[in-house]
Amino acid sequence: MDHVEYVYTGGMNESDVDDRLRAGEHGVLGLADENDAYAVPLSYHYDGDRFLLRVSEHDDDSEKGRFLRTTETATFVCYDASTDESWSIHIRGSVSEWEGDVDETTLNEWFPPFRLFDETVQEIEFSLYELRMETVVGRQTIE
């Protein structure tokens, strides 16, 4: 592998992780049911204390709902990468429905517009899930 291009990465400090999470909006949530894996892109809200995920619900038998119920430890990944610069943050922990109350105005402040896929607006309902940030690891390109 002498001719493969590479860049060095190193750990991000807590302040840089916090800044990136506060500025971000999207990532991918990895879930599992025994030996079966499922990953879904989701929008998130991070305020320094809690990490919330906005999850659309279509019915109780959805694949997403099934995996949310069976996953003991979830992993959420947010990242950005180009040829010259990159960073990624992995958040691991348990995920459960958030018990807080939020109105539509706050949802619109906390999250970017929802992307509809073959649904009508009237068909969509949201639940918020909290990912407990038990482990947070950030890496970024270093020179």
N, C-alpha and C. Protein backbone atom coordinates (compact mmCIF):
# COMPACT_ATOMS: atom_id res chain seq x y z
N MET A 1 0.81 -1.19 0.00
CA MET A 1 0.00 0.00 0.00
C MET A 1 0.86 1.27 0.00
N ASP A 2 2.01 1.20 -0.58
CA ASP A 2 2.91 2.35 -0.61
C ASP A 2 2.38 3.53 -1.42
N HIS A 3 1.47 3.28 -2.35
CA HIS A 3 1.03 4.34 -3.24
C HIS A 3 -0.42 4.77 -3.01
N VAL A 4 -0.98 4.38 -1.90
CA VAL A 4 -2.34 4.79 -1.55
C VAL A 4 -2.27 6.13 -0.82
N GLU A 5 -3.10 7.08 -1.27
CA GLU A 5 -3.12 8.38 -0.61
C GLU A 5 -3.86 8.27 0.72
N TYR A 6 -3.46 9.09 1.67
CA TYR A 6 -4.09 9.07 2.99
C TYR A 6 -3.93 10.44 3.64
N VAL A 7 -4.71 10.66 4.67
CA VAL A 7 -4.57 11.83 5.54
C VAL A 7 -4.61 11.33 6.97
N TYR A 8 -3.97 12.05 7.84
CA TYR A 8 -3.98 11.69 9.26
C TYR A 8 -5.20 12.30 9.93
N THR A 9 -5.76 11.54 10.86
CA THR A 9 -6.84 12.05 11.68
C THR A 9 -6.46 11.91 13.15
N GLY A 10 -7.10 12.71 13.97
CA GLY A 10 -6.86 12.65 15.41
C GLY A 10 -8.15 12.95 16.15
N GLY A 11 -8.13 12.75 17.43
CA GLY A 11 -9.30 12.98 18.26
C GLY A 11 -9.68 14.45 18.33
N MET A 12 -10.97 14.71 18.46
CA MET A 12 -11.48 16.06 18.65
C MET A 12 -11.63 16.31 20.14
N ASN A 13 -11.39 17.54 20.57
CA ASN A 13 -11.61 17.85 21.97
C ASN A 13 -13.11 18.06 22.22
N GLU A 14 -13.47 18.08 23.47
CA GLU A 14 -14.88 18.17 23.86
C GLU A 14 -15.55 19.42 23.31
N SER A 15 -14.85 20.53 23.29
CA SER A 15 -15.40 21.78 22.78
C SER A 15 -15.69 21.70 21.29
N ASP A 16 -14.78 21.10 20.52
CA ASP A 16 -14.99 20.94 19.08
C ASP A 16 -16.16 20.00 18.78
N VAL A 17 -16.26 18.93 19.54
CA VAL A 17 -17.40 18.01 19.39
C VAL A 17 -18.70 18.75 19.66
N ASP A 18 -18.74 19.50 20.74
CA ASP A 18 -19.94 20.25 21.10
C ASP A 18 -20.30 21.24 20.00
N ASP A 19 -19.33 21.97 19.47
CA ASP A 19 -19.58 22.95 18.40
C ASP A 19 -20.14 22.26 17.16
N ARG A 20 -19.54 21.16 16.76
CA ARG A 20 -20.01 20.44 15.56
C ARG A 20 -21.43 19.92 15.75
N LEU A 21 -21.72 19.35 16.92
CA LEU A 21 -23.06 18.82 17.16
C LEU A 21 -24.10 19.93 17.19
N ARG A 22 -23.77 21.06 17.79
CA ARG A 22 -24.71 22.18 17.83
C ARG A 22 -24.98 22.74 16.43
N ALA A 23 -23.98 22.73 15.57
CA ALA A 23 -24.12 23.29 14.23
C ALA A 23 -24.78 22.32 13.25
N GLY A 24 -24.75 21.03 13.56
CA GLY A 24 -25.26 20.03 12.63
C GLY A 24 -26.76 19.83 12.72
N GLU A 25 -27.27 19.07 11.76
CA GLU A 25 -28.70 18.79 11.70
C GLU A 25 -29.02 17.33 11.38
N HIS A 26 -28.10 16.65 10.68
CA HIS A 26 -28.42 15.32 10.15
C HIS A 26 -27.31 14.32 10.47
N GLY A 27 -27.70 13.07 10.44
CA GLY A 27 -26.74 11.98 10.59
C GLY A 27 -27.45 10.67 10.31
N VAL A 28 -26.78 9.59 10.66
CA VAL A 28 -27.33 8.25 10.41
C VAL A 28 -27.39 7.50 11.74
N LEU A 29 -28.55 6.94 12.05
CA LEU A 29 -28.75 6.15 13.26
C LEU A 29 -28.66 4.68 12.91
N GLY A 30 -27.73 3.97 13.58
CA GLY A 30 -27.56 2.54 13.39
C GLY A 30 -28.26 1.79 14.51
N LEU A 31 -29.11 0.83 14.11
CA LEU A 31 -29.89 0.04 15.06
C LEU A 31 -29.67 -1.44 14.77
N ALA A 32 -30.07 -2.30 15.70
CA ALA A 32 -29.88 -3.74 15.51
C ALA A 32 -30.98 -4.54 16.19
N ASP A 33 -31.20 -5.71 15.63
CA ASP A 33 -32.09 -6.71 16.22
C ASP A 33 -31.36 -8.04 16.09
N GLU A 34 -30.67 -8.43 17.15
CA GLU A 34 -29.79 -9.59 17.14
C GLU A 34 -28.76 -9.44 16.02
N ASN A 35 -28.79 -10.31 15.00
CA ASN A 35 -27.80 -10.25 13.92
C ASN A 35 -28.27 -9.44 12.71
N ASP A 36 -29.36 -8.73 12.84
CA ASP A 36 -29.93 -7.96 11.74
C ASP A 36 -29.69 -6.47 12.02
N ALA A 37 -29.10 -5.76 11.07
CA ALA A 37 -28.79 -4.34 11.25
C ALA A 37 -29.71 -3.48 10.40
N TYR A 38 -29.89 -2.23 10.84
CA TYR A 38 -30.73 -1.26 10.14
C TYR A 38 -30.14 0.11 10.40
N ALA A 39 -30.01 0.92 9.35
CA ALA A 39 -29.50 2.29 9.50
C ALA A 39 -30.45 3.23 8.78
N VAL A 40 -30.69 4.38 9.39
CA VAL A 40 -31.66 5.32 8.83
C VAL A 40 -31.13 6.75 9.02
N PRO A 41 -31.19 7.57 7.96
CA PRO A 41 -30.81 8.98 8.12
C PRO A 41 -31.89 9.72 8.90
N LEU A 42 -31.47 10.52 9.87
CA LEU A 42 -32.41 11.27 10.70
C LEU A 42 -31.88 12.66 10.99
N SER A 43 -32.80 13.56 11.28
CA SER A 43 -32.45 14.88 11.78
C SER A 43 -32.36 14.82 13.30
N TYR A 44 -31.49 15.66 13.86
CA TYR A 44 -31.33 15.67 15.31
C TYR A 44 -31.31 17.09 15.86
N HIS A 45 -31.50 17.16 17.16
CA HIS A 45 -31.38 18.42 17.90
C HIS A 45 -30.49 18.15 19.11
N TYR A 46 -29.46 18.97 19.25
CA TYR A 46 -28.54 18.85 20.38
C TYR A 46 -28.44 20.21 21.04
N ASP A 47 -28.68 20.25 22.35
CA ASP A 47 -28.64 21.52 23.07
C ASP A 47 -27.56 21.56 24.15
N GLY A 48 -26.66 20.61 24.14
CA GLY A 48 -25.61 20.54 25.15
C GLY A 48 -25.93 19.58 26.27
N ASP A 49 -27.21 19.32 26.50
CA ASP A 49 -27.64 18.40 27.56
C ASP A 49 -28.26 17.13 27.02
N ARG A 50 -28.98 17.25 25.94
CA ARG A 50 -29.68 16.09 25.40
C ARG A 50 -29.53 16.04 23.88
N PHE A 51 -29.62 14.82 23.37
CA PHE A 51 -29.50 14.56 21.93
C PHE A 51 -30.82 13.92 21.50
N LEU A 52 -31.62 14.68 20.78
CA LEU A 52 -32.95 14.21 20.38
C LEU A 52 -33.00 13.90 18.90
N LEU A 53 -33.73 12.86 18.56
CA LEU A 53 -33.92 12.43 17.18
C LEU A 53 -35.39 12.58 16.80
N ARG A 54 -35.64 13.15 15.64
CA ARG A 54 -37.03 13.26 15.15
C ARG A 54 -37.30 12.05 14.27
N VAL A 55 -38.30 11.26 14.67
CA VAL A 55 -38.62 10.02 13.97
C VAL A 55 -40.05 10.10 13.47
N SER A 56 -40.23 9.90 12.16
CA SER A 56 -41.59 9.87 11.62
C SER A 56 -42.18 8.49 11.88
N GLU A 57 -43.47 8.48 12.09
CA GLU A 57 -44.15 7.22 12.38
C GLU A 57 -45.28 7.02 11.39
N HIS A 58 -45.31 5.83 10.82
CA HIS A 58 -46.36 5.50 9.87
C HIS A 58 -47.32 4.48 10.46
N ASP A 59 -46.78 3.54 11.19
CA ASP A 59 -47.59 2.54 11.88
C ASP A 59 -46.70 1.81 12.87
N ASP A 60 -47.30 1.05 13.76
CA ASP A 60 -46.54 0.36 14.80
C ASP A 60 -45.68 -0.77 14.26
N ASP A 61 -45.96 -1.24 13.06
CA ASP A 61 -45.23 -2.37 12.50
C ASP A 61 -44.11 -1.94 11.56
N SER A 62 -43.74 -0.66 11.57
CA SER A 62 -42.71 -0.20 10.66
C SER A 62 -41.36 -0.81 11.03
N GLU A 63 -40.50 -0.96 10.04
CA GLU A 63 -39.18 -1.52 10.27
C GLU A 63 -38.40 -0.64 11.26
N LYS A 64 -38.48 0.66 11.07
CA LYS A 64 -37.79 1.59 11.95
C LYS A 64 -38.27 1.42 13.40
N GLY A 65 -39.59 1.35 13.58
CA GLY A 65 -40.14 1.18 14.92
C GLY A 65 -39.71 -0.13 15.57
N ARG A 66 -39.69 -1.19 14.77
CA ARG A 66 -39.27 -2.50 15.30
C ARG A 66 -37.83 -2.46 15.77
N PHE A 67 -36.95 -1.85 14.99
CA PHE A 67 -35.54 -1.78 15.37
C PHE A 67 -35.33 -0.85 16.57
N LEU A 68 -36.10 0.22 16.66
CA LEU A 68 -35.99 1.09 17.83
C LEU A 68 -36.35 0.34 19.12
N ARG A 69 -37.31 -0.56 19.03
CA ARG A 69 -37.73 -1.33 20.21
C ARG A 69 -36.73 -2.41 20.59
N THR A 70 -35.96 -2.94 19.63
CA THR A 70 -35.09 -4.07 19.93
C THR A 70 -33.63 -3.70 20.17
N THR A 71 -33.24 -2.48 19.87
CA THR A 71 -31.84 -2.08 19.99
C THR A 71 -31.50 -1.73 21.43
N GLU A 72 -30.47 -2.37 21.95
CA GLU A 72 -29.99 -2.04 23.30
C GLU A 72 -29.04 -0.85 23.28
N THR A 73 -28.10 -0.84 22.34
CA THR A 73 -27.16 0.26 22.20
C THR A 73 -27.16 0.70 20.74
N ALA A 74 -27.56 1.94 20.52
CA ALA A 74 -27.60 2.51 19.17
C ALA A 74 -26.34 3.32 18.92
N THR A 75 -26.03 3.55 17.66
CA THR A 75 -24.93 4.41 17.27
C THR A 75 -25.43 5.44 16.28
N PHE A 76 -25.15 6.70 16.56
CA PHE A 76 -25.49 7.78 15.64
C PHE A 76 -24.19 8.36 15.12
N VAL A 77 -24.10 8.56 13.81
CA VAL A 77 -22.90 9.09 13.18
C VAL A 77 -23.26 10.34 12.39
N CYS A 78 -22.55 11.41 12.66
CA CYS A 78 -22.63 12.59 11.81
C CYS A 78 -21.22 12.90 11.34
N TYR A 79 -21.11 13.42 10.12
CA TYR A 79 -19.77 13.60 9.56
C TYR A 79 -19.82 14.56 8.37
N ASP A 80 -18.66 14.98 7.96
CA ASP A 80 -18.48 15.71 6.72
C ASP A 80 -17.09 15.37 6.23
N ALA A 81 -16.94 15.22 4.93
CA ALA A 81 -15.64 14.83 4.39
C ALA A 81 -15.44 15.39 3.00
N SER A 82 -14.25 15.84 2.76
CA SER A 82 -13.82 16.22 1.42
C SER A 82 -12.42 15.63 1.25
N THR A 83 -11.80 15.90 0.14
CA THR A 83 -10.46 15.37 -0.10
C THR A 83 -9.46 15.88 0.93
N ASP A 84 -9.63 17.13 1.35
CA ASP A 84 -8.63 17.77 2.22
C ASP A 84 -9.00 17.78 3.69
N GLU A 85 -10.27 17.74 4.02
CA GLU A 85 -10.68 17.90 5.41
C GLU A 85 -11.83 16.96 5.71
N SER A 86 -11.84 16.45 6.93
CA SER A 86 -12.93 15.57 7.34
C SER A 86 -13.08 15.60 8.85
N TRP A 87 -14.26 15.21 9.29
CA TRP A 87 -14.53 15.01 10.71
C TRP A 87 -15.69 14.03 10.83
N SER A 88 -15.75 13.36 11.95
CA SER A 88 -16.88 12.48 12.24
C SER A 88 -17.06 12.39 13.75
N ILE A 89 -18.31 12.20 14.14
CA ILE A 89 -18.65 12.03 15.56
C ILE A 89 -19.55 10.81 15.66
N HIS A 90 -19.18 9.88 16.56
CA HIS A 90 -19.98 8.69 16.84
C HIS A 90 -20.54 8.82 18.24
N ILE A 91 -21.84 8.71 18.36
CA ILE A 91 -22.50 8.77 19.66
C ILE A 91 -23.15 7.41 19.90
N ARG A 92 -22.83 6.79 21.02
CA ARG A 92 -23.39 5.48 21.35
C ARG A 92 -24.12 5.54 22.67
N GLY A 93 -25.25 4.83 22.73
CA GLY A 93 -26.00 4.75 23.96
C GLY A 93 -27.38 4.18 23.72
N SER A 94 -28.14 4.09 24.78
CA SER A 94 -29.51 3.59 24.66
C SER A 94 -30.39 4.69 24.07
N VAL A 95 -31.43 4.25 23.39
CA VAL A 95 -32.36 5.19 22.77
C VAL A 95 -33.78 4.83 23.22
N SER A 96 -34.53 5.86 23.61
CA SER A 96 -35.91 5.63 24.05
C SER A 96 -36.74 6.85 23.72
N GLU A 97 -38.05 6.63 23.67
CA GLU A 97 -38.93 7.75 23.36
C GLU A 97 -38.78 8.83 24.43
N TRP A 98 -38.66 10.08 23.98
CA TRP A 98 -38.48 11.22 24.88
C TRP A 98 -39.80 11.57 25.53
N GLU A 99 -39.75 11.80 26.83
CA GLU A 99 -40.97 12.06 27.59
C GLU A 99 -41.39 13.52 27.62
N GLY A 100 -40.60 14.40 27.04
CA GLY A 100 -40.91 15.84 27.05
C GLY A 100 -42.07 16.19 26.14
N ASP A 101 -42.51 17.41 26.25
CA ASP A 101 -43.62 17.91 25.45
C ASP A 101 -43.09 19.03 24.56
N VAL A 102 -43.48 19.02 23.30
CA VAL A 102 -43.00 20.03 22.37
C VAL A 102 -44.11 20.36 21.37
N ASP A 103 -44.23 21.64 21.03
CA ASP A 103 -45.24 22.05 20.06
C ASP A 103 -44.62 22.18 18.67
N GLU A 104 -45.45 22.44 17.67
CA GLU A 104 -44.97 22.50 16.29
C GLU A 104 -43.98 23.63 16.06
N THR A 105 -44.17 24.75 16.73
CA THR A 105 -43.24 25.87 16.58
C THR A 105 -41.84 25.47 17.05
N THR A 106 -41.78 24.81 18.18
CA THR A 106 -40.48 24.36 18.71
C THR A 106 -39.87 23.30 17.82
N LEU A 107 -40.67 22.37 17.31
CA LEU A 107 -40.16 21.37 16.37
C LEU A 107 -39.50 22.05 15.17
N ASN A 108 -40.14 23.09 14.65
CA ASN A 108 -39.59 23.80 13.51
C ASN A 108 -38.32 24.57 13.87
N GLU A 109 -38.19 25.01 15.11
CA GLU A 109 -36.97 25.68 15.55
C GLU A 109 -35.83 24.67 15.75
N TRP A 110 -36.16 23.50 16.27
CA TRP A 110 -35.15 22.50 16.61
C TRP A 110 -34.67 21.70 15.41
N PHE A 111 -35.53 21.48 14.41
CA PHE A 111 -35.21 20.58 13.32
C PHE A 111 -35.39 21.26 11.97
N PRO A 112 -34.62 20.82 10.96
CA PRO A 112 -34.81 21.33 9.59
C PRO A 112 -36.12 20.79 9.02
N PRO A 113 -36.57 21.30 7.88
CA PRO A 113 -37.80 20.78 7.28
C PRO A 113 -37.70 19.28 7.04
N PHE A 114 -38.81 18.60 7.26
CA PHE A 114 -38.88 17.15 7.07
C PHE A 114 -38.97 16.84 5.58
N ARG A 115 -38.25 15.85 5.12
CA ARG A 115 -38.30 15.41 3.73
C ARG A 115 -39.33 14.30 3.57
N LEU A 116 -40.35 14.57 2.76
CA LEU A 116 -41.41 13.59 2.53
C LEU A 116 -40.99 12.62 1.43
N PHE A 117 -41.27 11.34 1.61
CA PHE A 117 -41.02 10.31 0.62
C PHE A 117 -42.32 9.55 0.36
N ASP A 118 -43.00 9.90 -0.70
CA ASP A 118 -44.25 9.24 -1.10
C ASP A 118 -45.32 9.26 -0.02
N GLU A 119 -45.31 10.28 0.85
CA GLU A 119 -46.36 10.43 1.86
C GLU A 119 -47.01 11.80 1.68
N THR A 120 -48.18 11.93 2.23
CA THR A 120 -48.79 13.25 2.31
C THR A 120 -48.51 13.81 3.69
N VAL A 121 -48.59 15.11 3.81
CA VAL A 121 -48.33 15.76 5.09
C VAL A 121 -49.26 15.22 6.17
N GLN A 122 -50.51 14.95 5.80
CA GLN A 122 -51.49 14.47 6.77
C GLN A 122 -51.16 13.08 7.30
N GLU A 123 -50.36 12.30 6.57
CA GLU A 123 -50.02 10.94 7.00
C GLU A 123 -48.89 10.90 8.02
N ILE A 124 -48.14 12.00 8.18
CA ILE A 124 -46.93 11.99 8.99
C ILE A 124 -47.20 12.44 10.42
N GLU A 125 -46.69 11.68 11.34
CA GLU A 125 -46.67 12.05 12.75
C GLU A 125 -45.26 11.85 13.24
N PHE A 126 -44.84 12.63 14.23
CA PHE A 126 -43.49 12.56 14.72
C PHE A 126 -43.46 12.14 16.18
N SER A 127 -42.41 11.42 16.52
CA SER A 127 -42.07 11.17 17.91
C SER A 127 -40.62 11.61 18.06
N LEU A 128 -40.29 12.03 19.25
CA LEU A 128 -38.91 12.38 19.55
C LEU A 128 -38.32 11.27 20.41
N TYR A 129 -37.11 10.87 20.05
CA TYR A 129 -36.38 9.87 20.81
C TYR A 129 -35.11 10.51 21.35
N GLU A 130 -34.74 10.12 22.55
CA GLU A 130 -33.50 10.61 23.14
C GLU A 130 -32.44 9.51 23.07
N LEU A 131 -31.30 9.89 22.51
CA LEU A 131 -30.15 9.01 22.52
C LEU A 131 -29.27 9.45 23.68
N ARG A 132 -29.14 8.58 24.68
CA ARG A 132 -28.31 8.91 25.83
C ARG A 132 -26.85 8.84 25.41
N MET A 133 -26.15 9.91 25.57
CA MET A 133 -24.78 10.03 25.06
C MET A 133 -23.80 9.36 26.02
N GLU A 134 -23.81 8.03 26.03
CA GLU A 134 -22.96 7.27 26.94
C GLU A 134 -21.49 7.30 26.48
N THR A 135 -21.28 7.26 25.17
CA THR A 135 -19.94 7.34 24.59
C THR A 135 -20.00 8.30 23.41
N VAL A 136 -19.10 9.27 23.38
CA VAL A 136 -19.02 10.22 22.27
C VAL A 136 -17.56 10.29 21.82
N VAL A 137 -17.32 9.99 20.56
CA VAL A 137 -15.97 10.01 20.02
C VAL A 137 -15.97 10.86 18.75
N GLY A 138 -15.12 11.87 18.72
CA GLY A 138 -14.98 12.71 17.55
C GLY A 138 -13.58 12.62 16.97
N ARG A 139 -13.48 12.59 15.65
CA ARG A 139 -12.18 12.55 14.98
C ARG A 139 -12.21 13.60 13.87
N GLN A 140 -11.03 14.14 13.56
CA GLN A 140 -10.95 15.12 12.49
C GLN A 140 -9.58 15.04 11.82
N THR A 141 -9.52 15.58 10.63
CA THR A 141 -8.27 15.64 9.90
C THR A 141 -7.28 16.50 10.65
N ILE A 142 -6.04 16.04 10.71
CA ILE A 142 -4.97 16.84 11.31
C ILE A 142 -3.87 17.00 10.27
N GLU A 143 -3.07 18.01 10.44
CA GLU A 143 -1.99 18.26 9.46
C GLU A 143 -0.70 17.61 9.89
